[in-house]
């Protein structure tokens, strides 16, 4: 018989389904369900070394406090993560943080139970869908790093990159940002150096490959020029 299982999941219906699977299994002693990562310390303290089944949406590793909290839990508990429909960057961050048991929400009951067993045994397990994505990630590490670099830029620099994609001249961009043409040319040069390209075409290619430009088209309000009137991150 295994130990206590704590399900921490924002998707309550899915958590209830998981709970019903566990109730049918004699291998698990006790289980509980919560919806907030903040509650997990209380329940984990009551059940040392219990298995934590976590919703990946709760694991925003861009937040240093959440990452540190996760690392502390990892030292005391086996962890299994249920991944939502996130992109490869999120998958990369989960693996980079040391998550070794990952399944998607459409994993079979057999796959779900197998993942729990592997987590208890501190082994590596990815469901078939994620195993294929992880395999492909090995060949996309440079792209992942590039995506991180682009999204780490502040709004000012992203705006310049987007306007370059739209074939705006340095003079046009300077007028929009109330600065000199030379200032924009300097930023554009530093963007090329930071992103490892040698010309404007390279900047456009990166903006397209990392889907920055597509994100702008879908969310133009996030790139409002009035939000860009501050010091660049470069």
C-alpha atoms as a PDB file:
ATOM      1  CA  UNK A   1       0.000   0.000   0.000  1.00  0.00           C
ATOM      2  CA  UNK A   2       1.299   3.447  -0.966  1.00  0.00           C
ATOM      3  CA  UNK A   3       1.027   6.617   1.053  1.00  0.00           C
ATOM      4  CA  UNK A   4      -1.193   9.667   1.049  1.00  0.00           C
ATOM      5  CA  UNK A   5      -2.021  11.441  -2.218  1.00  0.00           C
ATOM      6  CA  UNK A   6      -2.714  15.192  -2.399  1.00  0.00           C
ATOM      7  CA  UNK A   7      -4.396  16.462  -5.567  1.00  0.00           C
ATOM      8  CA  UNK A   8      -3.902  20.192  -6.086  1.00  0.00           C
ATOM      9  CA  UNK A   9      -5.839  21.146  -9.202  1.00  0.00           C
ATOM     10  CA  UNK A  10      -7.770  24.222 -10.319  1.00  0.00           C
ATOM     11  CA  UNK A  11      -9.923  22.104 -12.630  1.00  0.00           C
ATOM     12  CA  UNK A  12     -12.288  20.654 -10.049  1.00  0.00           C
ATOM     13  CA  UNK A  13     -14.170  18.288 -12.365  1.00  0.00           C
ATOM     14  CA  UNK A  14     -10.907  16.712 -13.514  1.00  0.00           C
ATOM     15  CA  UNK A  15      -9.746  16.449  -9.889  1.00  0.00           C
ATOM     16  CA  UNK A  16     -13.013  14.702  -8.970  1.00  0.00           C
ATOM     17  CA  UNK A  17     -12.454  12.244 -11.807  1.00  0.00           C
ATOM     18  CA  UNK A  18      -8.939  11.570 -10.537  1.00  0.00           C
ATOM     19  CA  UNK A  19     -10.314  11.142  -7.026  1.00  0.00           C
ATOM     20  CA  UNK A  20     -12.844   8.567  -8.229  1.00  0.00           C
ATOM     21  CA  UNK A  21     -10.033   6.573  -9.856  1.00  0.00           C
ATOM     22  CA  UNK A  22      -8.078   6.577  -6.591  1.00  0.00           C
ATOM     23  CA  UNK A  23     -11.074   5.435  -4.555  1.00  0.00           C
ATOM     24  CA  UNK A  24     -11.201   2.284  -6.662  1.00  0.00           C
ATOM     25  CA  UNK A  25      -7.561   1.464  -5.975  1.00  0.00           C
ATOM     26  CA  UNK A  26      -6.454  -0.367  -2.853  1.00  0.00           C
ATOM     27  CA  UNK A  27      -2.838   0.709  -3.317  1.00  0.00           C
ATOM     28  CA  UNK A  28      -3.463   4.203  -1.912  1.00  0.00           C
ATOM     29  CA  UNK A  29      -4.068   4.812   1.752  1.00  0.00           C
ATOM     30  CA  UNK A  30      -5.720   8.249   1.812  1.00  0.00           C
ATOM     31  CA  UNK A  31      -6.232  11.207  -0.499  1.00  0.00           C
ATOM     32  CA  UNK A  32      -7.431  14.808  -0.408  1.00  0.00           C
ATOM     33  CA  UNK A  33      -8.226  17.517  -2.945  1.00  0.00           C
ATOM     34  CA  UNK A  34      -7.314  21.210  -2.845  1.00  0.00           C
ATOM     35  CA  UNK A  35      -7.355  23.972  -5.460  1.00  0.00           C
ATOM     36  CA  UNK A  36      -4.678  26.385  -4.267  1.00  0.00           C
ATOM     37  CA  UNK A  37      -0.932  25.813  -3.974  1.00  0.00           C
ATOM     38  CA  UNK A  38      -0.975  27.940  -0.813  1.00  0.00           C
ATOM     39  CA  UNK A  39      -2.915  25.206   1.006  1.00  0.00           C
ATOM     40  CA  UNK A  40      -0.481  22.466   0.157  1.00  0.00           C
ATOM     41  CA  UNK A  41       1.988  23.073   2.995  1.00  0.00           C
ATOM     42  CA  UNK A  42      -0.721  22.449   5.592  1.00  0.00           C
ATOM     43  CA  UNK A  43      -1.757  19.102   4.105  1.00  0.00           C
ATOM     44  CA  UNK A  44       1.802  18.068   3.248  1.00  0.00           C
ATOM     45  CA  UNK A  45       2.872  18.629   6.861  1.00  0.00           C
ATOM     46  CA  UNK A  46       0.112  16.260   7.991  1.00  0.00           C
ATOM     47  CA  UNK A  47       1.240  13.587   5.537  1.00  0.00           C
ATOM     48  CA  UNK A  48       5.042  13.575   5.105  1.00  0.00           C
ATOM     49  CA  UNK A  49       6.343  12.129   1.818  1.00  0.00           C
ATOM     50  CA  UNK A  50       2.838  12.042   0.328  1.00  0.00           C
ATOM     51  CA  UNK A  51       2.512  12.146  -3.444  1.00  0.00           C
ATOM     52  CA  UNK A  52       1.632  15.601  -4.787  1.00  0.00           C
ATOM     53  CA  UNK A  53      -0.376  15.717  -8.016  1.00  0.00           C
ATOM     54  CA  UNK A  54      -0.131  19.301  -9.246  1.00  0.00           C
ATOM     55  CA  UNK A  55      -1.910  21.300 -11.935  1.00  0.00           C
ATOM     56  CA  UNK A  56       0.796  22.837 -14.166  1.00  0.00           C
ATOM     57  CA  UNK A  57      -1.219  26.069 -14.345  1.00  0.00           C
ATOM     58  CA  UNK A  58      -0.268  26.649 -10.694  1.00  0.00           C
ATOM     59  CA  UNK A  59       3.443  26.401 -11.479  1.00  0.00           C
ATOM     60  CA  UNK A  60       4.358  29.775 -12.910  1.00  0.00           C
ATOM     61  CA  UNK A  61       8.130  29.466 -12.694  1.00  0.00           C
ATOM     62  CA  UNK A  62       8.571  33.053 -13.868  1.00  0.00           C
ATOM     63  CA  UNK A  63       7.565  33.829 -10.296  1.00  0.00           C
ATOM     64  CA  UNK A  64      10.645  33.212  -8.155  1.00  0.00           C
ATOM     65  CA  UNK A  65       8.588  32.603  -5.003  1.00  0.00           C
ATOM     66  CA  UNK A  66       6.567  29.850  -6.697  1.00  0.00           C
ATOM     67  CA  UNK A  67       9.724  28.230  -8.046  1.00  0.00           C
ATOM     68  CA  UNK A  68      11.359  28.242  -4.599  1.00  0.00           C
ATOM     69  CA  UNK A  69       8.172  26.834  -3.039  1.00  0.00           C
ATOM     70  CA  UNK A  70       8.119  24.053  -5.627  1.00  0.00           C
ATOM     71  CA  UNK A  71      11.802  23.244  -4.992  1.00  0.00           C
ATOM     72  CA  UNK A  72      11.149  22.943  -1.251  1.00  0.00           C
ATOM     73  CA  UNK A  73       8.202  20.590  -1.850  1.00  0.00           C
ATOM     74  CA  UNK A  74      10.327  18.562  -4.238  1.00  0.00           C
ATOM     75  CA  UNK A  75      12.836  17.801  -1.485  1.00  0.00           C
ATOM     76  CA  UNK A  76      10.171  16.165   0.692  1.00  0.00           C
ATOM     77  CA  UNK A  77       7.635  14.692  -1.719  1.00  0.00           C
ATOM     78  CA  UNK A  78       7.340  12.718  -4.961  1.00  0.00           C
ATOM     79  CA  UNK A  79       5.605  14.981  -7.482  1.00  0.00           C
ATOM     80  CA  UNK A  80       3.474  14.291 -10.543  1.00  0.00           C
ATOM     81  CA  UNK A  81       2.384  17.184 -12.762  1.00  0.00           C
ATOM     82  CA  UNK A  82      -0.752  17.278 -14.901  1.00  0.00           C
ATOM     83  CA  UNK A  83       0.064  19.444 -17.895  1.00  0.00           C
ATOM     84  CA  UNK A  84      -2.558  21.598 -19.566  1.00  0.00           C
ATOM     85  CA  UNK A  85      -2.432  22.715 -23.179  1.00  0.00           C
ATOM     86  CA  UNK A  86       0.687  24.838 -22.703  1.00  0.00           C
ATOM     87  CA  UNK A  87       3.375  25.450 -25.292  1.00  0.00           C
ATOM     88  CA  UNK A  88       6.836  23.895 -25.455  1.00  0.00           C
ATOM     89  CA  UNK A  89       8.347  26.750 -23.465  1.00  0.00           C
ATOM     90  CA  UNK A  90       6.246  25.805 -20.428  1.00  0.00           C
ATOM     91  CA  UNK A  91       7.159  22.149 -20.922  1.00  0.00           C
ATOM     92  CA  UNK A  92      10.830  23.110 -21.066  1.00  0.00           C
ATOM     93  CA  UNK A  93      10.510  25.133 -17.839  1.00  0.00           C
ATOM     94  CA  UNK A  94       8.813  22.254 -16.019  1.00  0.00           C
ATOM     95  CA  UNK A  95      11.569  19.829 -17.015  1.00  0.00           C
ATOM     96  CA  UNK A  96      14.269  22.390 -16.239  1.00  0.00           C
ATOM     97  CA  UNK A  97      12.782  22.763 -12.736  1.00  0.00           C
ATOM     98  CA  UNK A  98      13.214  19.032 -12.183  1.00  0.00           C
ATOM     99  CA  UNK A  99       9.706  17.687 -12.878  1.00  0.00           C
ATOM    100  CA  UNK A 100      10.302  14.051 -13.815  1.00  0.00           C
ATOM    101  CA  UNK A 101       6.724  12.712 -14.003  1.00  0.00           C
ATOM    102  CA  UNK A 102       4.439  14.523 -16.444  1.00  0.00           C
ATOM    103  CA  UNK A 103       1.143  13.574 -18.065  1.00  0.00           C
ATOM    104  CA  UNK A 104      -1.480  15.435 -20.085  1.00  0.00           C
ATOM    105  CA  UNK A 105      -5.133  15.695 -19.104  1.00  0.00           C
ATOM    106  CA  UNK A 106      -6.183  13.221 -21.776  1.00  0.00           C
ATOM    107  CA  UNK A 107      -3.902  10.454 -20.469  1.00  0.00           C
ATOM    108  CA  UNK A 108      -5.611   7.079 -19.995  1.00  0.00           C
ATOM    109  CA  UNK A 109      -6.479   5.744 -16.552  1.00  0.00           C
ATOM    110  CA  UNK A 110      -3.726   3.164 -16.982  1.00  0.00           C
ATOM    111  CA  UNK A 111      -1.238   5.894 -17.868  1.00  0.00           C
ATOM    112  CA  UNK A 112      -2.380   8.000 -14.907  1.00  0.00           C
ATOM    113  CA  UNK A 113      -1.846   5.160 -12.440  1.00  0.00           C
ATOM    114  CA  UNK A 114       1.480   4.257 -14.050  1.00  0.00           C
ATOM    115  CA  UNK A 115       2.637   7.853 -13.629  1.00  0.00           C
ATOM    116  CA  UNK A 116       1.681   7.811  -9.940  1.00  0.00           C
ATOM    117  CA  UNK A 117       3.575   4.567  -9.421  1.00  0.00           C
ATOM    118  CA  UNK A 118       6.685   5.970 -11.124  1.00  0.00           C
ATOM    119  CA  UNK A 119       6.488   9.158  -9.050  1.00  0.00           C
ATOM    120  CA  UNK A 120       6.337   7.142  -5.823  1.00  0.00           C
ATOM    121  CA  UNK A 121       9.412   5.232  -7.011  1.00  0.00           C
ATOM    122  CA  UNK A 122      11.219   8.489  -7.915  1.00  0.00           C
ATOM    123  CA  UNK A 123      11.594   7.471 -11.539  1.00  0.00           C
ATOM    124  CA  UNK A 124      11.133   9.392 -14.793  1.00  0.00           C
ATOM    125  CA  UNK A 125       7.861   9.035 -16.675  1.00  0.00           C
ATOM    126  CA  UNK A 126       6.163  11.005 -19.464  1.00  0.00           C
ATOM    127  CA  UNK A 127       2.935   9.939 -21.137  1.00  0.00           C
ATOM    128  CA  UNK A 128       3.306   9.085 -24.841  1.00  0.00           C
ATOM    129  CA  UNK A 129       2.182  12.502 -26.068  1.00  0.00           C
ATOM    130  CA  UNK A 130       4.672  14.351 -23.873  1.00  0.00           C
ATOM    131  CA  UNK A 131       7.454  11.828 -24.522  1.00  0.00           C
ATOM    132  CA  UNK A 132       7.297  12.760 -28.199  1.00  0.00           C
ATOM    133  CA  UNK A 133       7.329  16.458 -27.382  1.00  0.00           C
ATOM    134  CA  UNK A 134      10.266  16.049 -25.007  1.00  0.00           C
ATOM    135  CA  UNK A 135      12.165  14.125 -27.686  1.00  0.00           C
ATOM    136  CA  UNK A 136      11.555  16.980 -30.119  1.00  0.00           C
ATOM    137  CA  UNK A 137      12.600  19.533 -27.494  1.00  0.00           C
ATOM    138  CA  UNK A 138      16.087  18.052 -27.450  1.00  0.00           C
ATOM    139  CA  UNK A 139      16.445  19.377 -30.977  1.00  0.00           C
ATOM    140  CA  UNK A 140      14.832  22.721 -30.185  1.00  0.00           C
ATOM    141  CA  UNK A 141      16.853  23.950 -27.217  1.00  0.00           C
ATOM    142  CA  UNK A 142      18.270  26.858 -29.224  1.00  0.00           C
ATOM    143  CA  UNK A 143      14.763  27.860 -30.288  1.00  0.00           C
ATOM    144  CA  UNK A 144      13.524  27.689 -26.688  1.00  0.00           C
ATOM    145  CA  UNK A 145      16.380  29.921 -25.541  1.00  0.00           C
ATOM    146  CA  UNK A 146      15.582  32.332 -28.355  1.00  0.00           C
ATOM    147  CA  UNK A 147      11.921  32.469 -27.303  1.00  0.00           C
ATOM    148  CA  UNK A 148      12.968  33.205 -23.723  1.00  0.00           C
ATOM    149  CA  UNK A 149      15.279  35.984 -24.884  1.00  0.00           C
ATOM    150  CA  UNK A 150      12.562  37.611 -26.995  1.00  0.00           C
ATOM    151  CA  UNK A 151       9.896  37.458 -24.283  1.00  0.00           C
ATOM    152  CA  UNK A 152      12.387  38.775 -21.708  1.00  0.00           C
ATOM    153  CA  UNK A 153      12.591  42.019 -23.687  1.00  0.00           C
ATOM    154  CA  UNK A 154      10.567  44.866 -22.251  1.00  0.00           C
ATOM    155  CA  UNK A 155       7.636  46.435 -24.099  1.00  0.00           C
ATOM    156  CA  UNK A 156       9.801  49.202 -25.569  1.00  0.00           C
ATOM    157  CA  UNK A 157      12.142  46.762 -27.324  1.00  0.00           C
ATOM    158  CA  UNK A 158       9.329  44.432 -28.363  1.00  0.00           C
ATOM    159  CA  UNK A 159       7.554  47.384 -29.942  1.00  0.00           C
ATOM    160  CA  UNK A 160      10.628  48.273 -31.998  1.00  0.00           C
ATOM    161  CA  UNK A 161      10.957  44.637 -33.104  1.00  0.00           C
ATOM    162  CA  UNK A 162       7.283  44.506 -34.104  1.00  0.00           C
ATOM    163  CA  UNK A 163       7.491  47.743 -36.067  1.00  0.00           C
ATOM    164  CA  UNK A 164      10.578  46.414 -37.872  1.00  0.00           C
ATOM    165  CA  UNK A 165       8.431  43.438 -38.914  1.00  0.00           C
ATOM    166  CA  UNK A 166       5.929  45.909 -40.343  1.00  0.00           C
ATOM    167  CA  UNK A 167       8.719  47.515 -42.402  1.00  0.00           C
ATOM    168  CA  UNK A 168       8.541  50.765 -40.467  1.00  0.00           C
ATOM    169  CA  UNK A 169      11.619  52.947 -40.919  1.00  0.00           C
ATOM    170  CA  UNK A 170      13.770  54.064 -37.991  1.00  0.00           C
ATOM    171  CA  UNK A 171      12.460  57.594 -38.608  1.00  0.00           C
ATOM    172  CA  UNK A 172       8.833  56.410 -38.294  1.00  0.00           C
ATOM    173  CA  UNK A 173       9.521  54.447 -35.099  1.00  0.00           C
ATOM    174  CA  UNK A 174      11.441  57.390 -33.625  1.00  0.00           C
ATOM    175  CA  UNK A 175       8.464  59.675 -34.238  1.00  0.00           C
ATOM    176  CA  UNK A 176       6.118  57.216 -32.526  1.00  0.00           C
ATOM    177  CA  UNK A 177       8.404  56.862 -29.512  1.00  0.00           C
ATOM    178  CA  UNK A 178       9.315  60.559 -29.351  1.00  0.00           C
ATOM    179  CA  UNK A 179      13.039  60.001 -29.712  1.00  0.00           C
ATOM    180  CA  UNK A 180      15.725  60.424 -32.370  1.00  0.00           C
ATOM    181  CA  UNK A 181      16.284  58.262 -35.427  1.00  0.00           C
ATOM    182  CA  UNK A 182      19.786  57.520 -34.128  1.00  0.00           C
ATOM    183  CA  UNK A 183      18.344  56.205 -30.843  1.00  0.00           C
ATOM    184  CA  UNK A 184      16.154  53.725 -32.719  1.00  0.00           C
ATOM    185  CA  UNK A 185      19.041  52.659 -34.952  1.00  0.00           C
ATOM    186  CA  UNK A 186      21.119  52.028 -31.823  1.00  0.00           C
ATOM    187  CA  UNK A 187      18.362  49.908 -30.299  1.00  0.00           C
ATOM    188  CA  UNK A 188      17.933  47.973 -33.514  1.00  0.00           C
ATOM    189  CA  UNK A 189      21.670  47.227 -33.625  1.00  0.00           C
ATOM    190  CA  UNK A 190      21.674  46.067 -30.003  1.00  0.00           C
ATOM    191  CA  UNK A 191      18.625  43.895 -30.673  1.00  0.00           C
ATOM    192  CA  UNK A 192      20.537  42.192 -33.496  1.00  0.00           C
ATOM    193  CA  UNK A 193      23.530  41.628 -31.217  1.00  0.00           C
ATOM    194  CA  UNK A 194      21.397  40.306 -28.356  1.00  0.00           C
ATOM    195  CA  UNK A 195      19.406  37.943 -30.594  1.00  0.00           C
ATOM    196  CA  UNK A 196      22.434  36.782 -32.588  1.00  0.00           C
ATOM    197  CA  UNK A 197      21.441  37.994 -36.058  1.00  0.00           C
ATOM    198  CA  UNK A 198      23.299  40.193 -38.528  1.00  0.00           C
ATOM    199  CA  UNK A 199      20.551  42.081 -40.315  1.00  0.00           C
ATOM    200  CA  UNK A 200      16.953  43.284 -40.153  1.00  0.00           C
ATOM    201  CA  UNK A 201      15.721  40.175 -41.980  1.00  0.00           C
ATOM    202  CA  UNK A 202      17.131  38.134 -39.086  1.00  0.00           C
ATOM    203  CA  UNK A 203      15.100  40.197 -36.597  1.00  0.00           C
ATOM    204  CA  UNK A 204      11.928  39.635 -38.619  1.00  0.00           C
ATOM    205  CA  UNK A 205      12.627  35.905 -38.781  1.00  0.00           C
ATOM    206  CA  UNK A 206      13.066  35.670 -35.007  1.00  0.00           C
ATOM    207  CA  UNK A 207       9.886  37.668 -34.347  1.00  0.00           C
ATOM    208  CA  UNK A 208       7.982  35.232 -36.566  1.00  0.00           C
ATOM    209  CA  UNK A 209       9.608  32.018 -35.283  1.00  0.00           C
ATOM    210  CA  UNK A 210       9.066  32.954 -31.644  1.00  0.00           C
ATOM    211  CA  UNK A 211       5.485  34.021 -32.489  1.00  0.00           C
ATOM    212  CA  UNK A 212       6.006  37.470 -30.994  1.00  0.00           C
ATOM    213  CA  UNK A 213       4.444  39.118 -34.035  1.00  0.00           C
ATOM    214  CA  UNK A 214       1.476  36.718 -34.021  1.00  0.00           C
ATOM    215  CA  UNK A 215       0.987  37.482 -30.307  1.00  0.00           C
ATOM    216  CA  UNK A 216       0.984  41.189 -31.105  1.00  0.00           C
ATOM    217  CA  UNK A 217      -1.656  40.749 -33.821  1.00  0.00           C
ATOM    218  CA  UNK A 218      -3.881  38.853 -31.368  1.00  0.00           C
ATOM    219  CA  UNK A 219      -3.199  41.231 -28.446  1.00  0.00           C
ATOM    220  CA  UNK A 220      -2.360  44.693 -29.845  1.00  0.00           C
ATOM    221  CA  UNK A 221      -3.369  46.400 -26.613  1.00  0.00           C
ATOM    222  CA  UNK A 222      -0.431  44.806 -24.801  1.00  0.00           C
ATOM    223  CA  UNK A 223       1.931  46.680 -27.093  1.00  0.00           C
ATOM    224  CA  UNK A 224       0.394  50.131 -26.718  1.00  0.00           C
ATOM    225  CA  UNK A 225       2.988  52.732 -27.721  1.00  0.00           C
ATOM    226  CA  UNK A 226       2.198  54.837 -24.635  1.00  0.00           C
ATOM    227  CA  UNK A 227       3.472  51.949 -22.469  1.00  0.00           C
ATOM    228  CA  UNK A 228       6.773  51.990 -24.318  1.00  0.00           C
ATOM    229  CA  UNK A 229       7.887  55.464 -23.344  1.00  0.00           C
ATOM    230  CA  UNK A 230      10.472  54.358 -20.803  1.00  0.00           C
ATOM    231  CA  UNK A 231      13.988  53.055 -20.660  1.00  0.00           C
ATOM    232  CA  UNK A 232      14.762  49.993 -22.766  1.00  0.00           C
ATOM    233  CA  UNK A 233      16.005  46.698 -21.289  1.00  0.00           C
ATOM    234  CA  UNK A 234      18.920  46.680 -23.725  1.00  0.00           C
END
